[in-house]
């Protein structure tokens, strides 16, 4: 895999997803949050929600016509 997707351990959270994959990443993290919540793993669900907020902000900042 490329370093664009993998990043490094110093990459900020949410920066490893390319702009064109942000809508997919948003759907994925939202679904993961629901599953983790149903399994009772609330810390994992909160981490997914945090990433969702990061991705939503990136969509707002980077996409000319946000559709996520």
Protein backbone atom coordinates (compact mmCIF):
# COMPACT_ATOMS: atom_id res chain seq x y z
CA UNK A 1 0.00 0.00 0.00
CA UNK A 2 1.07 3.52 -0.54
CA UNK A 3 2.13 5.92 2.16
CA UNK A 4 -0.74 8.14 1.08
CA UNK A 5 -3.17 5.65 2.59
CA UNK A 6 -0.95 4.28 5.34
CA UNK A 7 0.59 7.55 6.48
CA UNK A 8 2.99 7.30 9.36
CA UNK A 9 2.48 7.04 13.06
CA UNK A 10 2.93 10.81 13.17
CA UNK A 11 0.08 11.46 10.70
CA UNK A 12 -2.81 13.36 12.28
CA UNK A 13 -6.03 11.43 12.79
CA UNK A 14 -8.25 11.43 9.73
CA UNK A 15 -5.53 12.55 7.35
CA UNK A 16 -4.84 9.14 5.82
CA UNK A 17 -8.04 9.07 3.77
CA UNK A 18 -7.74 10.62 0.29
CA UNK A 19 -10.28 13.36 -0.46
CA UNK A 20 -12.08 11.29 -3.09
CA UNK A 21 -12.75 8.52 -0.51
CA UNK A 22 -14.16 10.77 2.23
CA UNK A 23 -17.85 9.97 1.54
CA UNK A 24 -17.08 6.24 1.77
CA UNK A 25 -15.04 6.74 4.93
CA UNK A 26 -17.92 8.66 6.52
CA UNK A 27 -20.42 5.87 5.80
CA UNK A 28 -17.97 3.25 7.06
CA UNK A 29 -17.21 5.02 10.35
CA UNK A 30 -20.90 5.71 11.00
CA UNK A 31 -21.72 2.04 10.48
CA UNK A 32 -18.82 0.97 12.72
CA UNK A 33 -20.05 3.29 15.47
CA UNK A 34 -23.50 1.66 15.39
CA UNK A 35 -22.03 -1.86 15.51
CA UNK A 36 -19.65 -1.05 18.36
CA UNK A 37 -22.48 0.57 20.30
CA UNK A 38 -24.65 -2.53 19.86
CA UNK A 39 -21.76 -4.69 21.09
CA UNK A 40 -21.35 -2.48 24.16
CA UNK A 41 -17.91 -1.22 23.14
CA UNK A 42 -18.64 2.44 23.77
CA UNK A 43 -15.03 3.67 23.68
CA UNK A 44 -14.62 2.24 20.16
CA UNK A 45 -17.96 3.77 19.14
CA UNK A 46 -16.83 7.16 20.43
CA UNK A 47 -13.57 6.88 18.47
CA UNK A 48 -15.58 6.19 15.30
CA UNK A 49 -17.77 9.21 15.97
CA UNK A 50 -14.68 11.35 16.55
CA UNK A 51 -13.27 10.25 13.18
CA UNK A 52 -16.63 10.97 11.58
CA UNK A 53 -16.45 14.56 12.83
CA UNK A 54 -12.89 14.88 11.47
CA UNK A 55 -13.98 13.55 8.07
CA UNK A 56 -17.03 15.84 7.99
CA UNK A 57 -14.78 18.82 8.62
CA UNK A 58 -12.44 17.69 5.83
CA UNK A 59 -15.40 17.37 3.44
CA UNK A 60 -16.45 20.89 4.35
CA UNK A 61 -12.90 22.24 3.84
CA UNK A 62 -11.74 20.24 0.81
CA UNK A 63 -14.73 19.33 -1.35
CA UNK A 64 -16.16 21.94 -3.73
CA UNK A 65 -19.70 20.46 -3.49
CA UNK A 66 -19.98 18.31 -0.34
CA UNK A 67 -22.38 15.41 -0.78
CA UNK A 68 -21.56 13.30 2.29
